[in-house]
Structure formats: C-alpha cells, structure tokens
C-alpha cells in the first residue's frame, strides 16, 4: 500500500465516477439461504458475492467489525478473508471498528483494525473509523500509521444517530459546539497528511441525516474528507448529502449498508443482482444531486 490514502480515494472516485461506499453488515437473520456449512461460511460467501456485484459502481466497502466479531471465535478470520477478496477486486476497504484507547493499547488497535498482523508486510485494510473521546493520545497512533503505511482514519465528528446531539451539539465556552471543535481537531491532526488531492488521510464521519451541519463542516474543514453514513435506510437522500462535496465532486464518500446488501429482500432479483442495481441507482442519484 503506497502513497496517500486521500489521494487513492480521490482517484477511485474519479475513475469510477462514484461516491458510493457499501457497508458490509452481515446479519444472519437477513442472509439468504446459502449452501454453506457454517455461519461464517454463509457470511463469507454472501459478503464476497456482494463485493463482486457492487465493484463496478462503488469505490469502497465498509465491513462493520461488530457483525463479524459476533461470530466468534471464527468471525474475525472471516472478515479478513472478505477484506482480502475486496482488495483483489480493487475496492478500498474501511474497517468500521470505532476504536479508541491510549498508548500501547491504541497501537494494538491499529494493528488489529488495519490488518498489521505479525508478519504482514503492509496493511490489509485501507482505513479505519476512530472514536476520539480520549483526545489526541487515542488518535495519534492511527495518524502515525497513516504517515507510515499510507492508511486512513475517519474520526467520529457528527454522527448520524438521533441522539448524537446529546453530546456533539453541546456548546463550549469558546462558543463552538463539541462537533465543531472535534472537526477542528481532526483538521489539525491531519495537517501533515494532505495529499495532492488537497485532502488529508485523516477524515471525519459526518452523518447524512444532518445536512445543514454537513454543509457547514465542508466549509469549515476544507481539507478533511468525509465518510457519510445515514443514506437510504436511515432516511437521508442524495440532495441531503450534496453539501458534503466540493465543487469538483470530491471530499466525501456516502455509505449505504442495508439499502444495498439486503436490496434483494425488496426486489425480485438474486442478492448480487439486487445489490448491483441498488448501488448503481445510488451512484446515479448522488451524481445527479451534485449537478444541481
């Protein structure tokens, strides 16, 4: 893995003319019946089929580690097999783990979430989501990994869930909200990792369900790339996320999980065909919204 993560992301967006990220949230109760002998085999087969189907229309996949960890003791091995498969398809991989700690424990999380396992010559994943509640100490190891290995980190800033305002919207003595202050910190942490694209390898998670804040933050931190959850199943539309992009259509990728990987439950198509159709519809909707 070479170079700058933000530059690889920008290049993938340009090549595919896509801003779509597909979340891999494999719930056993929602999977189709597959000729597999175990839960992990079913999950692996399903996720690999989804990756293959959506690869022409999406720049990245985002495996949610919790669903794989729930399949212990074999779930994490399954997740890394899916990640290797996705990388072979040319997809960027963002591990959605939302990890945070300090010191050697944070360094261990870097290794665990990016696939820097013993004997690994380079990371297996391209980026990871990070919770920065512990401050700079908990983020620094992920920033250092970005500088050393060319990986990325997406720090939680303004999340898409309804109760995010309980903490993130609180106003500080400075007059800033917590999410605004966090966005400023993210920009500061990633200042030395801005690539030729004009964006840093240290990005922010900003929910599509808060379009005004998304638009505001795009102006506030112009070098910070956004990972935008909340599209589709959580109610956000293409018009809601348009404010997260710059005038060139860069600066963000928009995630949809259930709306794509389980699209077959609402369409008379097999899972792969339904996912491909949903991903292409999302790609076209986002691109159309950027032209308005």
Protein backbone atom coordinates (compact mmCIF):
# COMPACT_ATOMS: atom_id res chain seq x y z
CA UNK A 1 0.00 0.00 0.00
CA UNK A 2 1.74 3.13 -1.15
CA UNK A 3 1.17 6.86 -1.16
CA UNK A 4 -1.57 8.86 0.46
CA UNK A 5 -4.97 7.38 1.35
CA UNK A 6 -6.89 10.54 0.43
CA UNK A 7 -5.23 10.58 -2.98
CA UNK A 8 -6.16 6.93 -3.59
CA UNK A 9 -9.72 7.72 -2.57
CA UNK A 10 -9.92 10.74 -4.87
CA UNK A 11 -8.50 8.74 -7.78
CA UNK A 12 -11.02 5.93 -7.22
CA UNK A 13 -13.86 8.48 -7.22
CA UNK A 14 -12.65 9.94 -10.50
CA UNK A 15 -12.07 6.59 -12.20
CA UNK A 16 -15.48 5.15 -11.35
CA UNK A 17 -17.36 8.46 -11.23
CA UNK A 18 -18.78 7.13 -7.98
CA UNK A 19 -19.07 8.38 -4.40
CA UNK A 20 -20.64 5.18 -3.09
CA UNK A 21 -19.38 3.16 -0.13
CA UNK A 22 -21.16 -0.12 0.61
CA UNK A 23 -21.38 -1.19 4.23
CA UNK A 24 -20.99 -4.89 4.90
CA UNK A 25 -23.27 -5.58 7.88
CA UNK A 26 -23.88 -9.34 7.68
CA UNK A 27 -26.80 -10.24 9.94
CA UNK A 28 -27.54 -13.95 9.91
CA UNK A 29 -31.29 -13.40 10.19
CA UNK A 30 -31.28 -11.36 6.98
CA UNK A 31 -29.00 -13.52 4.86
CA UNK A 32 -30.42 -15.67 2.09
CA UNK A 33 -30.20 -19.42 2.41
CA UNK A 34 -26.85 -20.46 1.03
CA UNK A 35 -25.29 -23.90 0.50
CA UNK A 36 -22.74 -23.37 3.28
CA UNK A 37 -21.90 -25.46 6.30
CA UNK A 38 -21.38 -22.81 8.97
CA UNK A 39 -22.38 -19.27 9.92
CA UNK A 40 -19.00 -17.87 8.92
CA UNK A 41 -19.14 -19.68 5.59
CA UNK A 42 -22.56 -18.18 4.88
CA UNK A 43 -21.33 -14.71 5.81
CA UNK A 44 -18.16 -15.01 3.75
CA UNK A 45 -20.00 -16.26 0.68
CA UNK A 46 -22.63 -13.53 0.97
CA UNK A 47 -20.16 -10.67 1.51
CA UNK A 48 -17.87 -11.80 -1.31
CA UNK A 49 -20.85 -12.06 -3.67
CA UNK A 50 -21.91 -8.52 -2.69
CA UNK A 51 -18.39 -7.18 -3.24
CA UNK A 52 -18.24 -8.74 -6.68
CA UNK A 53 -21.64 -7.35 -7.63
CA UNK A 54 -21.08 -3.77 -6.48
CA UNK A 55 -17.42 -3.40 -7.52
CA UNK A 56 -18.21 -1.57 -10.80
CA UNK A 57 -20.34 1.02 -9.00
CA UNK A 58 -18.63 1.67 -5.67
CA UNK A 59 -15.21 2.89 -4.58
CA UNK A 60 -15.13 1.26 -1.15
CA UNK A 61 -16.67 -1.29 1.14
CA UNK A 62 -17.00 -0.84 4.90
CA UNK A 63 -17.11 -4.07 6.88
CA UNK A 64 -18.68 -3.45 10.28
CA UNK A 65 -16.43 -5.44 12.57
CA UNK A 66 -19.12 -5.96 15.22
CA UNK A 67 -21.09 -8.31 12.98
CA UNK A 68 -18.00 -10.39 12.33
CA UNK A 69 -16.86 -10.32 15.96
CA UNK A 70 -20.30 -11.63 16.93
CA UNK A 71 -19.40 -14.83 15.06
CA UNK A 72 -16.58 -15.61 17.49
CA UNK A 73 -14.30 -17.43 17.55
CA UNK A 74 -14.02 -17.57 13.74
CA UNK A 75 -15.64 -14.27 12.77
CA UNK A 76 -12.55 -12.09 12.55
CA UNK A 77 -10.75 -14.59 10.33
CA UNK A 78 -13.84 -14.50 8.11
CA UNK A 79 -13.73 -10.69 7.99
CA UNK A 80 -10.09 -10.66 6.89
CA UNK A 81 -10.82 -13.16 4.14
CA UNK A 82 -13.60 -10.88 2.91
CA UNK A 83 -11.25 -7.89 3.10
CA UNK A 84 -8.57 -9.67 1.05
CA UNK A 85 -11.21 -10.57 -1.53
CA UNK A 86 -12.47 -6.98 -1.74
CA UNK A 87 -8.93 -5.66 -2.16
CA UNK A 88 -8.35 -8.13 -5.00
CA UNK A 89 -11.38 -6.57 -6.73
CA UNK A 90 -9.70 -3.16 -6.49
CA UNK A 91 -12.02 -1.84 -3.78
CA UNK A 92 -10.83 0.34 -0.93
CA UNK A 93 -11.65 -1.15 2.47
CA UNK A 94 -12.65 0.87 5.54
CA UNK A 95 -12.90 -1.21 8.71
CA UNK A 96 -15.74 0.24 10.78
CA UNK A 97 -14.46 -0.51 14.28
CA UNK A 98 -14.72 2.89 16.05
CA UNK A 99 -11.75 2.02 18.24
CA UNK A 100 -10.08 4.25 20.81
CA UNK A 101 -7.54 3.89 23.58
CA UNK A 102 -4.13 5.22 24.54
CA UNK A 103 -0.51 4.10 24.48
CA UNK A 104 0.35 0.54 23.59
CA UNK A 105 -3.32 -0.46 23.62
CA UNK A 106 -4.09 2.09 20.89
CA UNK A 107 -1.11 0.77 18.92
CA UNK A 108 -2.53 -2.73 19.27
CA UNK A 109 -5.87 -1.47 17.94
CA UNK A 110 -4.06 0.00 14.93
CA UNK A 111 -2.55 -3.41 14.21
CA UNK A 112 -5.84 -5.22 14.80
CA UNK A 113 -8.04 -2.92 12.70
CA UNK A 114 -5.72 -2.31 9.77
CA UNK A 115 -4.53 -5.90 9.46
CA UNK A 116 -0.96 -5.23 10.53
CA UNK A 117 -0.70 -8.69 11.96
CA UNK A 118 2.54 -10.44 12.75
CA UNK A 119 4.46 -10.96 9.55
CA UNK A 120 2.31 -8.55 7.49
CA UNK A 121 4.44 -6.55 5.09
CA UNK A 122 1.68 -3.96 4.68
CA UNK A 123 -1.83 -3.27 5.99
CA UNK A 124 -4.69 -5.39 4.72
CA UNK A 125 -7.24 -2.58 5.15
CA UNK A 126 -7.08 0.96 3.79
CA UNK A 127 -8.68 2.85 6.66
CA UNK A 128 -10.45 2.53 9.99
CA UNK A 129 -13.06 4.51 11.93
CA UNK A 130 -11.87 6.04 15.20
CA UNK A 131 -13.60 7.38 18.32
CA UNK A 132 -11.60 10.36 19.62
CA UNK A 133 -13.19 10.75 23.07
CA UNK A 134 -9.78 10.25 24.74
CA UNK A 135 -8.30 13.11 22.74
CA UNK A 136 -5.08 13.27 20.78
CA UNK A 137 -3.46 10.38 22.69
CA UNK A 138 -6.03 7.96 21.29
CA UNK A 139 -5.79 9.24 17.73
CA UNK A 140 -2.04 9.71 17.37
CA UNK A 141 -1.22 6.02 16.66
CA UNK A 142 -3.74 5.99 13.79
CA UNK A 143 -2.25 9.21 12.40
CA UNK A 144 1.25 7.76 12.67
CA UNK A 145 0.09 4.64 10.82
CA UNK A 146 -1.31 6.86 8.07
CA UNK A 147 2.07 8.56 7.71
CA UNK A 148 3.99 5.27 7.76
CA UNK A 149 1.75 2.94 5.75
CA UNK A 150 -0.46 5.21 3.65
CA UNK A 151 -3.63 4.24 5.52
CA UNK A 152 -6.50 6.49 6.57
CA UNK A 153 -8.57 7.21 9.66
CA UNK A 154 -12.13 8.56 9.87
CA UNK A 155 -12.79 10.21 13.24
CA UNK A 156 -16.34 10.46 14.59
CA UNK A 157 -17.39 14.13 14.40
CA UNK A 158 -21.16 14.46 13.84
CA UNK A 159 -22.72 11.03 13.73
CA UNK A 160 -25.99 10.12 12.03
CA UNK A 161 -27.87 8.66 15.02
CA UNK A 162 -30.80 10.62 16.54
CA UNK A 163 -29.17 11.08 19.96
CA UNK A 164 -25.84 12.35 18.63
CA UNK A 165 -26.76 15.84 19.79
CA UNK A 166 -26.82 14.75 23.44
CA UNK A 167 -23.07 15.34 23.43
CA UNK A 168 -21.98 16.53 20.00
CA UNK A 169 -24.25 19.60 19.91
CA UNK A 170 -23.28 20.92 23.36
CA UNK A 171 -21.77 24.39 23.26
CA UNK A 172 -18.37 25.04 24.79
CA UNK A 173 -17.09 28.18 26.47
CA UNK A 174 -15.43 29.07 23.15
CA UNK A 175 -18.84 29.30 21.54
CA UNK A 176 -18.19 26.25 19.39
CA UNK A 177 -20.21 23.08 19.59
CA UNK A 178 -18.42 19.87 20.51
CA UNK A 179 -18.69 18.61 16.91
CA UNK A 180 -17.23 21.85 15.54
CA UNK A 181 -14.33 21.65 17.96
CA UNK A 182 -13.79 18.00 17.07
CA UNK A 183 -13.77 18.87 13.36
CA UNK A 184 -11.09 21.49 14.03
CA UNK A 185 -9.01 18.92 15.90
CA UNK A 186 -9.35 16.44 13.03
CA UNK A 187 -8.11 19.06 10.59
CA UNK A 188 -5.20 19.82 12.93
CA UNK A 189 -4.26 16.15 13.39
CA UNK A 190 -4.25 15.55 9.65
CA UNK A 191 -2.49 18.73 8.59
CA UNK A 192 0.76 16.93 7.72
CA UNK A 193 -1.02 14.27 5.67
CA UNK A 194 -2.68 16.41 2.99
CA UNK A 195 -2.02 14.87 -0.40
CA UNK A 196 -2.03 16.13 -3.96
CA UNK A 197 -5.83 15.87 -3.97
CA UNK A 198 -5.97 18.65 -1.38
CA UNK A 199 -7.39 16.27 1.21
CA UNK A 200 -5.86 14.67 4.29
CA UNK A 201 -5.67 11.00 5.17
CA UNK A 202 -7.35 11.88 8.48
CA UNK A 203 -11.04 12.24 7.75
CA UNK A 204 -14.30 12.73 9.62
CA UNK A 205 -17.51 10.75 9.99
CA UNK A 206 -20.36 13.21 9.37
CA UNK A 207 -23.92 11.91 9.16
CA UNK A 208 -26.13 12.45 6.14
CA UNK A 209 -29.09 12.87 8.49
CA UNK A 210 -27.77 16.33 9.44
CA UNK A 211 -27.44 18.04 6.04
CA UNK A 212 -27.03 21.57 7.43
CA UNK A 213 -24.14 20.51 9.66
CA UNK A 214 -22.65 18.50 6.80
CA UNK A 215 -22.66 21.57 4.56
CA UNK A 216 -21.28 23.75 7.34
CA UNK A 217 -18.44 21.35 8.09
CA UNK A 218 -17.48 21.07 4.42
CA UNK A 219 -16.75 24.80 4.53
CA UNK A 220 -15.17 24.72 7.97
CA UNK A 221 -12.60 21.98 7.32
CA UNK A 222 -11.92 22.03 3.56
CA UNK A 223 -9.01 19.55 3.70
CA UNK A 224 -10.88 16.86 5.68
CA UNK A 225 -12.53 14.04 3.67
CA UNK A 226 -15.90 12.83 4.94
CA UNK A 227 -17.32 9.36 5.41
CA UNK A 228 -21.06 9.99 5.35
CA UNK A 229 -23.40 7.37 6.87
CA UNK A 230 -27.17 7.63 7.09
CA UNK A 231 -28.11 7.46 3.40
CA UNK A 232 -31.15 5.40 2.42
CA UNK A 233 -32.37 3.24 5.27
CA UNK A 234 -31.79 5.98 7.86
CA UNK A 235 -33.72 8.44 5.72
CA UNK A 236 -31.16 10.74 4.08
CA UNK A 237 -31.36 11.43 0.35
CA UNK A 238 -28.87 12.37 -2.35
CA UNK A 239 -29.85 16.02 -2.00
CA UNK A 240 -29.12 15.83 1.73
CA UNK A 241 -25.51 14.75 1.16
CA UNK A 242 -24.66 17.05 -1.74
CA UNK A 243 -23.35 19.70 0.64
CA UNK A 244 -20.59 17.36 1.78
CA UNK A 245 -18.76 17.61 -1.56
CA UNK A 246 -16.55 20.28 -3.07
CA UNK A 247 -17.18 21.88 -6.46
CA UNK A 248 -15.23 19.07 -8.16
CA UNK A 249 -17.40 16.37 -6.59
CA UNK A 250 -14.64 15.23 -4.25
CA UNK A 251 -14.25 15.31 -0.49
CA UNK A 252 -16.73 12.65 0.59
CA UNK A 253 -18.00 9.13 0.15
CA UNK A 254 -21.51 8.16 1.15
CA UNK A 255 -22.24 4.86 2.85
CA UNK A 256 -25.28 2.66 2.44
CA UNK A 257 -25.44 -0.73 4.09
CA UNK A 258 -28.84 -2.37 4.40
CA UNK A 259 -30.28 -0.48 1.45
CA UNK A 260 -27.79 -2.20 -0.85
CA UNK A 261 -26.74 -5.53 0.61
CA UNK A 262 -30.31 -6.52 1.51
CA UNK A 263 -31.95 -4.97 -1.54
CA UNK A 264 -32.87 -8.47 -2.71
CA UNK A 265 -35.49 -8.64 0.05
CA UNK A 266 -37.50 -5.94 -1.77
CA UNK A 267 -36.67 -6.81 -5.39
CA UNK A 268 -37.34 -9.94 -7.37
CA UNK A 269 -33.64 -10.47 -8.03
CA UNK A 270 -30.91 -12.57 -6.53
CA UNK A 271 -28.79 -10.82 -3.85
CA UNK A 272 -25.94 -9.91 -6.16
CA UNK A 273 -28.14 -8.54 -8.94
CA UNK A 274 -30.24 -6.56 -6.46
CA UNK A 275 -27.16 -5.10 -4.75
CA UNK A 276 -25.63 -4.11 -8.09
CA UNK A 277 -28.85 -2.43 -9.16
CA UNK A 278 -29.18 -0.56 -5.85
CA UNK A 279 -25.54 0.56 -5.89
CA UNK A 280 -25.83 1.87 -9.45
CA UNK A 281 -29.06 3.71 -8.61
CA UNK A 282 -27.31 5.32 -5.64
CA UNK A 283 -24.29 6.28 -7.76
CA UNK A 284 -26.50 7.95 -10.34
CA UNK A 285 -28.62 9.71 -7.69
CA UNK A 286 -25.55 11.16 -5.97
CA UNK A 287 -24.05 12.31 -9.25
CA UNK A 288 -27.32 13.94 -10.30
CA UNK A 289 -27.58 15.76 -6.96
CA UNK A 290 -24.10 17.21 -7.45
CA UNK A 291 -25.19 18.80 -10.74
CA UNK A 292 -27.96 20.85 -9.10
